[in-house]
Amino acid sequence: MGQATVPTNSTVPLFTVPSGLCNVTFWNVSTPNIYVGTSTSVTTTNGLQCHSIPTNFFTYVGSKGSTFYGANPSGSAGSVNFVIVTNF
């Protein structure tokens, strides 16, 4: 399990999903809304709002992997927890 902090009014890398088969779960553990996407230009309009309810997805054997970024448009820092499972 990991945790990434997103400072005030910034966009930072949260975690990297590895290539191949894996299971990813992430959730917001803070008050400000964090928006998640696979680009450094993630915003409130093109990102997925990260809720306190865990979001889960699976990748496939042929998946190439990707870095997920978090954008924080608010005036206070936020945090996102994540779990990446690769042993199947």
PDB file of N, CA and C in Angstrom:
ATOM      1  N   MET A   1       0.856  -1.171   0.000  1.00  0.00           N
ATOM      2  CA  MET A   1       0.000   0.000   0.000  1.00  0.00           C
ATOM      3  C   MET A   1       0.899   1.230   0.000  1.00  0.00           C
ATOM      4  N   GLY A   2       0.464   2.245  -0.707  1.00  0.00           N
ATOM      5  CA  GLY A   2       1.210   3.491  -0.746  1.00  0.00           C
ATOM      6  C   GLY A   2       0.288   4.677  -0.567  1.00  0.00           C
ATOM      7  N   GLN A   3       0.886   5.817  -0.374  1.00  0.00           N
ATOM      8  CA  GLN A   3       0.129   7.056  -0.253  1.00  0.00           C
ATOM      9  C   GLN A   3       0.896   8.154  -0.981  1.00  0.00           C
ATOM     10  N   ALA A   4       0.175   8.952  -1.739  1.00  0.00           N
ATOM     11  CA  ALA A   4       0.763  10.084  -2.448  1.00  0.00           C
ATOM     12  C   ALA A   4       0.066  11.358  -1.992  1.00  0.00           C
ATOM     13  N   THR A   5       0.850  12.381  -1.714  1.00  0.00           N
ATOM     14  CA  THR A   5       0.310  13.677  -1.315  1.00  0.00           C
ATOM     15  C   THR A   5       0.304  14.604  -2.514  1.00  0.00           C
ATOM     16  N   VAL A   6      -0.825  15.296  -2.687  1.00  0.00           N
ATOM     17  CA  VAL A   6      -0.962  16.260  -3.777  1.00  0.00           C
ATOM     18  C   VAL A   6      -1.014  17.649  -3.150  1.00  0.00           C
ATOM     19  N   PRO A   7       0.061  18.434  -3.322  1.00  0.00           N
ATOM     20  CA  PRO A   7       0.098  19.770  -2.722  1.00  0.00           C
ATOM     21  C   PRO A   7      -0.978  20.696  -3.299  1.00  0.00           C
ATOM     22  N   THR A   8      -1.159  21.803  -2.640  1.00  0.00           N
ATOM     23  CA  THR A   8      -2.131  22.815  -3.034  1.00  0.00           C
ATOM     24  C   THR A   8      -1.911  23.280  -4.473  1.00  0.00           C
ATOM     25  N   ASN A   9      -2.987  23.363  -5.236  1.00  0.00           N
ATOM     26  CA  ASN A   9      -2.975  23.880  -6.608  1.00  0.00           C
ATOM     27  C   ASN A   9      -1.861  23.298  -7.468  1.00  0.00           C
ATOM     28  N   SER A  10      -1.766  21.965  -7.499  1.00  0.00           N
ATOM     29  CA  SER A  10      -0.715  21.338  -8.298  1.00  0.00           C
ATOM     30  C   SER A  10      -1.176  20.003  -8.871  1.00  0.00           C
ATOM     31  N   THR A  11      -0.361  19.479  -9.794  1.00  0.00           N
ATOM     32  CA  THR A  11      -0.557  18.159 -10.378  1.00  0.00           C
ATOM     33  C   THR A  11       0.731  17.379 -10.203  1.00  0.00           C
ATOM     34  N   VAL A  12       0.635  16.183  -9.614  1.00  0.00           N
ATOM     35  CA  VAL A  12       1.824  15.368  -9.335  1.00  0.00           C
ATOM     36  C   VAL A  12       1.559  13.910  -9.703  1.00  0.00           C
ATOM     37  N   PRO A  13       2.625  13.125  -9.957  1.00  0.00           N
ATOM     38  CA  PRO A  13       2.441  11.681 -10.168  1.00  0.00           C
ATOM     39  C   PRO A  13       1.973  11.016  -8.876  1.00  0.00           C
ATOM     40  N   LEU A  14       0.963  10.164  -8.979  1.00  0.00           N
ATOM     41  CA  LEU A  14       0.457   9.439  -7.810  1.00  0.00           C
ATOM     42  C   LEU A  14       1.085   8.055  -7.699  1.00  0.00           C
ATOM     43  N   PHE A  15       0.982   7.275  -8.779  1.00  0.00           N
ATOM     44  CA  PHE A  15       1.524   5.916  -8.800  1.00  0.00           C
ATOM     45  C   PHE A  15       1.663   5.477 -10.248  1.00  0.00           C
ATOM     46  N   THR A  16       2.464   4.440 -10.459  1.00  0.00           N
ATOM     47  CA  THR A  16       2.644   3.881 -11.797  1.00  0.00           C
ATOM     48  C   THR A  16       2.088   2.474 -11.821  1.00  0.00           C
ATOM     49  N   VAL A  17       1.178   2.233 -12.732  1.00  0.00           N
ATOM     50  CA  VAL A  17       0.611   0.906 -12.931  1.00  0.00           C
ATOM     51  C   VAL A  17       1.601   0.142 -13.810  1.00  0.00           C
ATOM     52  N   PRO A  18       2.098  -1.007 -13.348  1.00  0.00           N
ATOM     53  CA  PRO A  18       3.081  -1.747 -14.140  1.00  0.00           C
ATOM     54  C   PRO A  18       2.446  -2.416 -15.357  1.00  0.00           C
ATOM     55  N   SER A  19       3.283  -2.786 -16.311  1.00  0.00           N
ATOM     56  CA  SER A  19       2.767  -3.515 -17.469  1.00  0.00           C
ATOM     57  C   SER A  19       2.377  -4.925 -17.038  1.00  0.00           C
ATOM     58  N   GLY A  20       1.489  -5.513 -17.788  1.00  0.00           N
ATOM     59  CA  GLY A  20       1.052  -6.875 -17.498  1.00  0.00           C
ATOM     60  C   GLY A  20      -0.145  -6.924 -16.570  1.00  0.00           C
ATOM     61  N   LEU A  21      -0.416  -8.100 -16.061  1.00  0.00           N
ATOM     62  CA  LEU A  21      -1.590  -8.383 -15.239  1.00  0.00           C
ATOM     63  C   LEU A  21      -1.434  -7.801 -13.836  1.00  0.00           C
ATOM     64  N   CYS A  22      -2.402  -6.982 -13.415  1.00  0.00           N
ATOM     65  CA  CYS A  22      -2.398  -6.475 -12.042  1.00  0.00           C
ATOM     66  C   CYS A  22      -3.781  -5.956 -11.661  1.00  0.00           C
ATOM     67  N   ASN A  23      -3.956  -5.698 -10.369  1.00  0.00           N
ATOM     68  CA  ASN A  23      -5.181  -5.158  -9.805  1.00  0.00           C
ATOM     69  C   ASN A  23      -4.806  -3.861  -9.090  1.00  0.00           C
ATOM     70  N   VAL A  24      -5.523  -2.776  -9.383  1.00  0.00           N
ATOM     71  CA  VAL A  24      -5.229  -1.469  -8.798  1.00  0.00           C
ATOM     72  C   VAL A  24      -6.461  -0.965  -8.054  1.00  0.00           C
ATOM     73  N   THR A  25      -6.254  -0.486  -6.838  1.00  0.00           N
ATOM     74  CA  THR A  25      -7.315   0.129  -6.039  1.00  0.00           C
ATOM     75  C   THR A  25      -6.775   1.440  -5.492  1.00  0.00           C
ATOM     76  N   PHE A  26      -7.560   2.524  -5.611  1.00  0.00           N
ATOM     77  CA  PHE A  26      -7.132   3.806  -5.052  1.00  0.00           C
ATOM     78  C   PHE A  26      -8.330   4.559  -4.502  1.00  0.00           C
ATOM     79  N   TRP A  27      -8.062   5.445  -3.514  1.00  0.00           N
ATOM     80  CA  TRP A  27      -9.128   6.212  -2.885  1.00  0.00           C
ATOM     81  C   TRP A  27      -8.556   7.466  -2.250  1.00  0.00           C
ATOM     82  N   ASN A  28      -9.424   8.461  -2.073  1.00  0.00           N
ATOM     83  CA  ASN A  28      -9.052   9.751  -1.485  1.00  0.00           C
ATOM     84  C   ASN A  28      -9.187   9.651   0.025  1.00  0.00           C
ATOM     85  N   VAL A  29      -8.143  10.055   0.759  1.00  0.00           N
ATOM     86  CA  VAL A  29      -8.186  10.001   2.217  1.00  0.00           C
ATOM     87  C   VAL A  29      -8.212  11.399   2.831  1.00  0.00           C
ATOM     88  N   SER A  30      -8.497  12.404   2.026  1.00  0.00           N
ATOM     89  CA  SER A  30      -8.456  13.787   2.505  1.00  0.00           C
ATOM     90  C   SER A  30      -9.731  14.531   2.124  1.00  0.00           C
ATOM     91  N   THR A  31      -9.855  15.744   2.627  1.00  0.00           N
ATOM     92  CA  THR A  31     -11.041  16.552   2.365  1.00  0.00           C
ATOM     93  C   THR A  31     -11.089  17.136   0.957  1.00  0.00           C
ATOM     94  N   PRO A  32      -9.992  17.712   0.424  1.00  0.00           N
ATOM     95  CA  PRO A  32     -10.110  18.316  -0.905  1.00  0.00           C
ATOM     96  C   PRO A  32     -10.351  17.269  -1.986  1.00  0.00           C
ATOM     97  N   ASN A  33     -11.043  17.676  -3.048  1.00  0.00           N
ATOM     98  CA  ASN A  33     -11.249  16.799  -4.190  1.00  0.00           C
ATOM     99  C   ASN A  33      -9.950  16.663  -4.964  1.00  0.00           C
ATOM    100  N   ILE A  34      -9.567  15.430  -5.265  1.00  0.00           N
ATOM    101  CA  ILE A  34      -8.408  15.133  -6.094  1.00  0.00           C
ATOM    102  C   ILE A  34      -8.950  14.540  -7.391  1.00  0.00           C
ATOM    103  N   TYR A  35      -8.415  15.000  -8.519  1.00  0.00           N
ATOM    104  CA  TYR A  35      -8.837  14.503  -9.828  1.00  0.00           C
ATOM    105  C   TYR A  35      -7.697  13.698 -10.423  1.00  0.00           C
ATOM    106  N   VAL A  36      -8.009  12.501 -10.930  1.00  0.00           N
ATOM    107  CA  VAL A  36      -7.007  11.542 -11.381  1.00  0.00           C
ATOM    108  C   VAL A  36      -7.103  11.344 -12.877  1.00  0.00           C
ATOM    109  N   GLY A  37      -5.941  11.202 -13.513  1.00  0.00           N
ATOM    110  CA  GLY A  37      -5.879  10.913 -14.947  1.00  0.00           C
ATOM    111  C   GLY A  37      -4.499  10.414 -15.325  1.00  0.00           C
ATOM    112  N   THR A  38      -4.312  10.068 -16.590  1.00  0.00           N
ATOM    113  CA  THR A  38      -3.037   9.524 -17.055  1.00  0.00           C
ATOM    114  C   THR A  38      -2.206  10.559 -17.814  1.00  0.00           C
ATOM    115  N   SER A  39      -2.458  11.811 -17.562  1.00  0.00           N
ATOM    116  CA  SER A  39      -1.724  12.886 -18.220  1.00  0.00           C
ATOM    117  C   SER A  39      -1.341  13.949 -17.198  1.00  0.00           C
ATOM    118  N   THR A  40      -0.249  14.642 -17.445  1.00  0.00           N
ATOM    119  CA  THR A  40       0.155  15.730 -16.554  1.00  0.00           C
ATOM    120  C   THR A  40      -0.785  16.918 -16.667  1.00  0.00           C
ATOM    121  N   SER A  41      -1.645  16.911 -17.675  1.00  0.00           N
ATOM    122  CA  SER A  41      -2.596  18.011 -17.843  1.00  0.00           C
ATOM    123  C   SER A  41      -3.988  17.660 -17.321  1.00  0.00           C
ATOM    124  N   VAL A  42      -4.078  16.743 -16.348  1.00  0.00           N
ATOM    125  CA  VAL A  42      -5.368  16.381 -15.754  1.00  0.00           C
ATOM    126  C   VAL A  42      -5.954  17.597 -15.029  1.00  0.00           C
ATOM    127  N   THR A  43      -7.256  17.795 -15.193  1.00  0.00           N
ATOM    128  CA  THR A  43      -7.955  18.937 -14.593  1.00  0.00           C
ATOM    129  C   THR A  43      -9.278  18.473 -14.000  1.00  0.00           C
ATOM    130  N   THR A  44     -10.035  19.413 -13.462  1.00  0.00           N
ATOM    131  CA  THR A  44     -11.353  19.098 -12.921  1.00  0.00           C
ATOM    132  C   THR A  44     -12.336  18.706 -14.017  1.00  0.00           C
ATOM    133  N   THR A  45     -12.093  19.103 -15.254  1.00  0.00           N
ATOM    134  CA  THR A  45     -13.024  18.774 -16.338  1.00  0.00           C
ATOM    135  C   THR A  45     -12.672  17.490 -17.075  1.00  0.00           C
ATOM    136  N   ASN A  46     -11.400  17.085 -17.087  1.00  0.00           N
ATOM    137  CA  ASN A  46     -11.058  15.870 -17.827  1.00  0.00           C
ATOM    138  C   ASN A  46     -10.564  14.732 -16.936  1.00  0.00           C
ATOM    139  N   GLY A  47     -10.528  14.947 -15.613  1.00  0.00           N
ATOM    140  CA  GLY A  47     -10.064  13.919 -14.691  1.00  0.00           C
ATOM    141  C   GLY A  47     -11.205  13.204 -13.992  1.00  0.00           C
ATOM    142  N   LEU A  48     -10.888  12.048 -13.440  1.00  0.00           N
ATOM    143  CA  LEU A  48     -11.832  11.275 -12.641  1.00  0.00           C
ATOM    144  C   LEU A  48     -11.739  11.754 -11.204  1.00  0.00           C
ATOM    145  N   GLN A  49     -12.861  12.183 -10.624  1.00  0.00           N
ATOM    146  CA  GLN A  49     -12.821  12.614  -9.226  1.00  0.00           C
ATOM    147  C   GLN A  49     -12.568  11.402  -8.351  1.00  0.00           C
ATOM    148  N   CYS A  50     -11.550  11.487  -7.533  1.00  0.00           N
ATOM    149  CA  CYS A  50     -11.152  10.392  -6.647  1.00  0.00           C
ATOM    150  C   CYS A  50     -11.940  10.509  -5.346  1.00  0.00           C
ATOM    151  N   HIS A  51     -12.830   9.549  -5.081  1.00  0.00           N
ATOM    152  CA  HIS A  51     -13.691   9.575  -3.902  1.00  0.00           C
ATOM    153  C   HIS A  51     -13.076   8.788  -2.750  1.00  0.00           C
ATOM    154  N   SER A  52     -13.721   8.878  -1.599  1.00  0.00           N
ATOM    155  CA  SER A  52     -13.288   8.088  -0.451  1.00  0.00           C
ATOM    156  C   SER A  52     -13.689   6.627  -0.596  1.00  0.00           C
ATOM    157  N   ILE A  53     -14.603   6.331  -1.503  1.00  0.00           N
ATOM    158  CA  ILE A  53     -14.982   4.953  -1.806  1.00  0.00           C
ATOM    159  C   ILE A  53     -13.936   4.410  -2.772  1.00  0.00           C
ATOM    160  N   PRO A  54     -13.274   3.297  -2.465  1.00  0.00           N
ATOM    161  CA  PRO A  54     -12.205   2.790  -3.320  1.00  0.00           C
ATOM    162  C   PRO A  54     -12.657   2.509  -4.756  1.00  0.00           C
ATOM    163  N   THR A  55     -11.822   2.909  -5.698  1.00  0.00           N
ATOM    164  CA  THR A  55     -12.016   2.631  -7.121  1.00  0.00           C
ATOM    165  C   THR A  55     -11.048   1.521  -7.488  1.00  0.00           C
ATOM    166  N   ASN A  56     -11.549   0.499  -8.181  1.00  0.00           N
ATOM    167  CA  ASN A  56     -10.761  -0.687  -8.462  1.00  0.00           C
ATOM    168  C   ASN A  56     -10.818  -1.009  -9.949  1.00  0.00           C
ATOM    169  N   PHE A  57      -9.688  -1.420 -10.526  1.00  0.00           N
ATOM    170  CA  PHE A  57      -9.686  -1.927 -11.897  1.00  0.00           C
ATOM    171  C   PHE A  57      -8.588  -2.958 -12.075  1.00  0.00           C
ATOM    172  N   PHE A  58      -8.770  -3.823 -13.081  1.00  0.00           N
ATOM    173  CA  PHE A  58      -7.798  -4.856 -13.429  1.00  0.00           C
ATOM    174  C   PHE A  58      -7.180  -4.517 -14.775  1.00  0.00           C
ATOM    175  N   THR A  59      -5.906  -4.850 -14.937  1.00  0.00           N
ATOM    176  CA  THR A  59      -5.279  -4.731 -16.243  1.00  0.00           C
ATOM    177  C   THR A  59      -5.091  -6.134 -16.814  1.00  0.00           C
ATOM    178  N   TYR A  60      -4.707  -6.227 -18.066  1.00  0.00           N
ATOM    179  CA  TYR A  60      -4.571  -7.502 -18.750  1.00  0.00           C
ATOM    180  C   TYR A  60      -3.111  -7.847 -18.988  1.00  0.00           C
ATOM    181  N   VAL A  61      -2.852  -9.076 -19.388  1.00  0.00           N
ATOM    182  CA  VAL A  61      -1.487  -9.545 -19.619  1.00  0.00           C
ATOM    183  C   VAL A  61      -0.773  -8.642 -20.621  1.00  0.00           C
ATOM    184  N   GLY A  62      -1.465  -8.177 -21.651  1.00  0.00           N
ATOM    185  CA  GLY A  62      -0.856  -7.337 -22.684  1.00  0.00           C
ATOM    186  C   GLY A  62      -0.842  -5.852 -22.356  1.00  0.00           C
ATOM    187  N   SER A  63      -1.264  -5.458 -21.163  1.00  0.00           N
ATOM    188  CA  SER A  63      -1.304  -4.041 -20.795  1.00  0.00           C
ATOM    189  C   SER A  63       0.107  -3.469 -20.723  1.00  0.00           C
ATOM    190  N   LYS A  64       0.245  -2.211 -21.160  1.00  0.00           N
ATOM    191  CA  LYS A  64       1.562  -1.566 -21.194  1.00  0.00           C
ATOM    192  C   LYS A  64       1.875  -0.785 -19.933  1.00  0.00           C
ATOM    193  N   GLY A  65       0.901  -0.551 -19.081  1.00  0.00           N
ATOM    194  CA  GLY A  65       1.128   0.221 -17.867  1.00  0.00           C
ATOM    195  C   GLY A  65       1.043   1.714 -18.127  1.00  0.00           C
ATOM    196  N   SER A  66       0.947   2.491 -17.053  1.00  0.00           N
ATOM    197  CA  SER A  66       0.821   3.941 -17.187  1.00  0.00           C
ATOM    198  C   SER A  66       1.017   4.601 -15.827  1.00  0.00           C
ATOM    199  N   THR A  67       1.435   5.850 -15.855  1.00  0.00           N
ATOM    200  CA  THR A  67       1.526   6.641 -14.637  1.00  0.00           C
ATOM    201  C   THR A  67       0.230   7.402 -14.447  1.00  0.00           C
ATOM    202  N   PHE A  68      -0.302   7.374 -13.230  1.00  0.00           N
ATOM    203  CA  PHE A  68      -1.502   8.133 -12.891  1.00  0.00           C
ATOM    204  C   PHE A  68      -1.080   9.411 -12.180  1.00  0.00           C
ATOM    205  N   TYR A  69      -1.722  10.510 -12.554  1.00  0.00           N
ATOM    206  CA  TYR A  69      -1.432  11.818 -11.971  1.00  0.00           C
ATOM    207  C   TYR A  69      -2.641  12.303 -11.187  1.00  0.00           C
ATOM    208  N   GLY A  70      -2.396  13.102 -10.161  1.00  0.00           N
ATOM    209  CA  GLY A  70      -3.466  13.680  -9.366  1.00  0.00           C
ATOM    210  C   GLY A  70      -3.383  15.190  -9.397  1.00  0.00           C
ATOM    211  N   ALA A  71      -4.516  15.835  -9.630  1.00  0.00           N
ATOM    212  CA  ALA A  71      -4.605  17.298  -9.638  1.00  0.00           C
ATOM    213  C   ALA A  71      -5.418  17.746  -8.435  1.00  0.00           C
ATOM    214  N   ASN A  72      -4.925  18.777  -7.761  1.00  0.00           N
ATOM    215  CA  ASN A  72      -5.585  19.309  -6.584  1.00  0.00           C
ATOM    216  C   ASN A  72      -5.832  20.800  -6.796  1.00  0.00           C
ATOM    217  N   PRO A  73      -7.069  21.192  -7.126  1.00  0.00           N
ATOM    218  CA  PRO A  73      -7.359  22.603  -7.380  1.00  0.00           C
ATOM    219  C   PRO A  73      -7.679  23.405  -6.112  1.00  0.00           C
ATOM    220  N   SER A  74      -7.659  22.758  -4.951  1.00  0.00           N
ATOM    221  CA  SER A  74      -8.107  23.439  -3.734  1.00  0.00           C
ATOM    222  C   SER A  74      -6.959  24.135  -3.006  1.00  0.00           C
ATOM    223  N   GLY A  75      -7.305  24.780  -1.916  1.00  0.00           N
ATOM    224  CA  GLY A  75      -6.343  25.530  -1.128  1.00  0.00           C
ATOM    225  C   GLY A  75      -5.662  24.746  -0.030  1.00  0.00           C
ATOM    226  N   SER A  76      -5.885  23.430   0.035  1.00  0.00           N
ATOM    227  CA  SER A  76      -5.203  22.611   1.044  1.00  0.00           C
ATOM    228  C   SER A  76      -4.719  21.314   0.394  1.00  0.00           C
ATOM    229  N   ALA A  77      -3.661  20.748   0.944  1.00  0.00           N
ATOM    230  CA  ALA A  77      -3.084  19.526   0.382  1.00  0.00           C
ATOM    231  C   ALA A  77      -4.031  18.342   0.560  1.00  0.00           C
ATOM    232  N   GLY A  78      -3.923  17.372  -0.338  1.00  0.00           N
ATOM    233  CA  GLY A  78      -4.739  16.172  -0.277  1.00  0.00           C
ATOM    234  C   GLY A  78      -3.881  14.932  -0.418  1.00  0.00           C
ATOM    235  N   SER A  79      -4.446  13.783  -0.091  1.00  0.00           N
ATOM    236  CA  SER A  79      -3.710  12.518  -0.180  1.00  0.00           C
ATOM    237  C   SER A  79      -4.567  11.433  -0.814  1.00  0.00           C
ATOM    238  N   VAL A  80      -3.889  10.567  -1.564  1.00  0.00           N
ATOM    239  CA  VAL A  80      -4.538   9.426  -2.208  1.00  0.00           C
ATOM    240  C   VAL A  80      -3.791   8.171  -1.775  1.00  0.00           C
ATOM    241  N   ASN A  81      -4.525   7.185  -1.269  1.00  0.00           N
ATOM    242  CA  ASN A  81      -3.946   5.877  -0.953  1.00  0.00           C
ATOM    243  C   ASN A  81      -4.135   4.962  -2.156  1.00  0.00           C
ATOM    244  N   PHE A  82      -3.220   4.010  -2.332  1.00  0.00           N
ATOM    245  CA  PHE A  82      -3.352   3.072  -3.444  1.00  0.00           C
ATOM    246  C   PHE A  82      -2.738   1.729  -3.072  1.00  0.00           C
ATOM    247  N   VAL A  83      -3.294   0.686  -3.696  1.00  0.00           N
ATOM    248  CA  VAL A  83      -2.794  -0.684  -3.559  1.00  0.00           C
ATOM    249  C   VAL A  83      -2.683  -1.246  -4.962  1.00  0.00           C
ATOM    250  N   ILE A  84      -1.508  -1.772  -5.298  1.00  0.00           N
ATOM    251  CA  ILE A  84      -1.296  -2.401  -6.595  1.00  0.00           C
ATOM    252  C   ILE A  84      -0.838  -3.830  -6.340  1.00  0.00           C
ATOM    253  N   VAL A  85      -1.624  -4.801  -6.825  1.00  0.00           N
ATOM    254  CA  VAL A  85      -1.318  -6.219  -6.628  1.00  0.00           C
ATOM    255  C   VAL A  85      -0.897  -6.814  -7.961  1.00  0.00           C
ATOM    256  N   THR A  86       0.295  -7.420  -7.992  1.00  0.00           N
ATOM    257  CA  THR A  86       0.804  -7.993  -9.240  1.00  0.00           C
ATOM    258  C   THR A  86       1.011  -9.502  -9.174  1.00  0.00           C
ATOM    259  N   ASN A  87       0.875 -10.110  -8.000  1.00  0.00           N
ATOM    260  CA  ASN A  87       1.096 -11.551  -7.849  1.00  0.00           C
ATOM    261  C   ASN A  87      -0.199 -12.318  -8.019  1.00  0.00           C
ATOM    262  N   PHE A  88      -0.373 -12.911  -9.188  1.00  0.00           N
ATOM    263  CA  PHE A  88      -1.587 -13.710  -9.443  1.00  0.00           C
ATOM    264  C   PHE A  88      -1.208 -15.124  -9.756  1.00  0.00           C
TER     265      PHE A  88
END
